[in-house]
Amino acid sequence: MGVLKLRATGLKKDLEEISTYLEETSEHLGAFEVISESKDYPNRDSKELRRYFEIRFDSELMDKAD
């Protein structure tokens, strides 16, 4: 088991889409799970936002998914 902390940057709709994708994929594969997701934070001088994800994964199960 491992834990990753990811930072995603993009438009609000893009962050929503990746959040949904991660949740649906984790349910389907079972090889990882999103254990936390932050609120959106504004980026300076940009329309983009950032959001942080913490993901727990099982590399053995991920290898089997290939």
C-alpha atoms as a PDB file:
ATOM      1  CA  MET A   1       0.000   0.000   0.000  1.00  0.00           C
ATOM      2  CA  GLY A   2       1.146   3.493  -0.787  1.00  0.00           C
ATOM      3  CA  VAL A   3      -0.194   7.011  -0.500  1.00  0.00           C
ATOM      4  CA  LEU A   4       0.115   9.773  -3.068  1.00  0.00           C
ATOM      5  CA  LYS A   5      -0.676  13.448  -2.663  1.00  0.00           C
ATOM      6  CA  LEU A   6      -1.653  15.030  -5.959  1.00  0.00           C
ATOM      7  CA  ARG A   7      -2.240  18.635  -6.949  1.00  0.00           C
ATOM      8  CA  ALA A   8      -4.567  19.211  -9.892  1.00  0.00           C
ATOM      9  CA  THR A   9      -4.777  22.608 -11.572  1.00  0.00           C
ATOM     10  CA  GLY A  10      -7.422  23.615 -14.085  1.00  0.00           C
ATOM     11  CA  LEU A  11     -10.789  25.187 -14.667  1.00  0.00           C
ATOM     12  CA  LYS A  12     -13.611  24.361 -12.226  1.00  0.00           C
ATOM     13  CA  LYS A  13     -15.330  22.036 -14.723  1.00  0.00           C
ATOM     14  CA  ASP A  14     -12.060  20.177 -15.375  1.00  0.00           C
ATOM     15  CA  LEU A  15     -11.461  19.640 -11.660  1.00  0.00           C
ATOM     16  CA  GLU A  16     -15.011  18.338 -11.270  1.00  0.00           C
ATOM     17  CA  GLU A  17     -14.515  15.940 -14.181  1.00  0.00           C
ATOM     18  CA  ILE A  18     -11.232  14.528 -12.864  1.00  0.00           C
ATOM     19  CA  SER A  19     -12.731  14.162  -9.394  1.00  0.00           C
ATOM     20  CA  THR A  20     -15.648  12.168 -10.813  1.00  0.00           C
ATOM     21  CA  TYR A  21     -13.301  10.098 -12.966  1.00  0.00           C
ATOM     22  CA  LEU A  22     -11.074   9.217 -10.003  1.00  0.00           C
ATOM     23  CA  GLU A  23     -14.060   8.194  -7.869  1.00  0.00           C
ATOM     24  CA  GLU A  24     -15.639   6.061 -10.613  1.00  0.00           C
ATOM     25  CA  THR A  25     -12.344   4.443 -11.580  1.00  0.00           C
ATOM     26  CA  SER A  26     -11.474   3.632  -7.974  1.00  0.00           C
ATOM     27  CA  GLU A  27     -14.853   1.946  -7.499  1.00  0.00           C
ATOM     28  CA  HIS A  28     -14.401  -0.065 -10.696  1.00  0.00           C
ATOM     29  CA  LEU A  29     -10.792  -1.162 -10.211  1.00  0.00           C
ATOM     30  CA  GLY A  30     -10.528  -1.333  -6.431  1.00  0.00           C
ATOM     31  CA  ALA A  31      -6.777  -0.738  -6.752  1.00  0.00           C
ATOM     32  CA  PHE A  32      -6.906   2.741  -5.263  1.00  0.00           C
ATOM     33  CA  GLU A  33      -9.187   5.053  -3.340  1.00  0.00           C
ATOM     34  CA  VAL A  34      -9.421   8.795  -2.908  1.00  0.00           C
ATOM     35  CA  ILE A  35      -9.049   9.270   0.847  1.00  0.00           C
ATOM     36  CA  SER A  36      -9.255  13.058   0.821  1.00  0.00           C
ATOM     37  CA  GLU A  37     -10.062  15.867  -1.551  1.00  0.00           C
ATOM     38  CA  SER A  38      -9.605  19.537  -0.749  1.00  0.00           C
ATOM     39  CA  LYS A  39     -11.773  22.480  -1.606  1.00  0.00           C
ATOM     40  CA  ASP A  40     -10.761  24.571  -4.606  1.00  0.00           C
ATOM     41  CA  TYR A  41      -8.135  27.270  -4.160  1.00  0.00           C
ATOM     42  CA  PRO A  42      -7.618  30.152  -6.603  1.00  0.00           C
ATOM     43  CA  ASN A  43      -4.348  30.509  -8.500  1.00  0.00           C
ATOM     44  CA  ARG A  44      -2.806  33.965  -8.712  1.00  0.00           C
ATOM     45  CA  ASP A  45      -3.356  35.854 -11.950  1.00  0.00           C
ATOM     46  CA  SER A  46      -5.293  32.957 -13.505  1.00  0.00           C
ATOM     47  CA  LYS A  47      -8.841  31.707 -14.016  1.00  0.00           C
ATOM     48  CA  GLU A  48      -7.613  28.268 -13.018  1.00  0.00           C
ATOM     49  CA  LEU A  49      -8.086  26.711  -9.600  1.00  0.00           C
ATOM     50  CA  ARG A  50      -6.160  24.035  -7.756  1.00  0.00           C
ATOM     51  CA  ARG A  51      -7.432  21.063  -5.788  1.00  0.00           C
ATOM     52  CA  TYR A  52      -5.492  18.530  -3.745  1.00  0.00           C
ATOM     53  CA  PHE A  53      -6.180  14.787  -3.674  1.00  0.00           C
ATOM     54  CA  GLU A  54      -4.783  12.135  -1.362  1.00  0.00           C
ATOM     55  CA  ILE A  55      -4.928   8.666  -2.877  1.00  0.00           C
ATOM     56  CA  ARG A  56      -4.193   5.303  -1.270  1.00  0.00           C
ATOM     57  CA  PHE A  57      -3.190   2.643  -3.775  1.00  0.00           C
ATOM     58  CA  ASP A  58      -2.263  -1.015  -3.929  1.00  0.00           C
ATOM     59  CA  SER A  59       0.423  -1.458  -6.583  1.00  0.00           C
ATOM     60  CA  GLU A  60      -0.130  -5.222  -6.806  1.00  0.00           C
ATOM     61  CA  LEU A  61      -3.787  -4.716  -7.707  1.00  0.00           C
ATOM     62  CA  MET A  62      -2.840  -1.968 -10.158  1.00  0.00           C
ATOM     63  CA  ASP A  63      -0.468  -4.351 -11.945  1.00  0.00           C
ATOM     64  CA  LYS A  64      -3.297  -6.874 -12.329  1.00  0.00           C
ATOM     65  CA  ALA A  65      -5.556  -4.197 -13.854  1.00  0.00           C
ATOM     66  CA  ASP A  66      -3.203  -3.855 -16.854  1.00  0.00           C
END
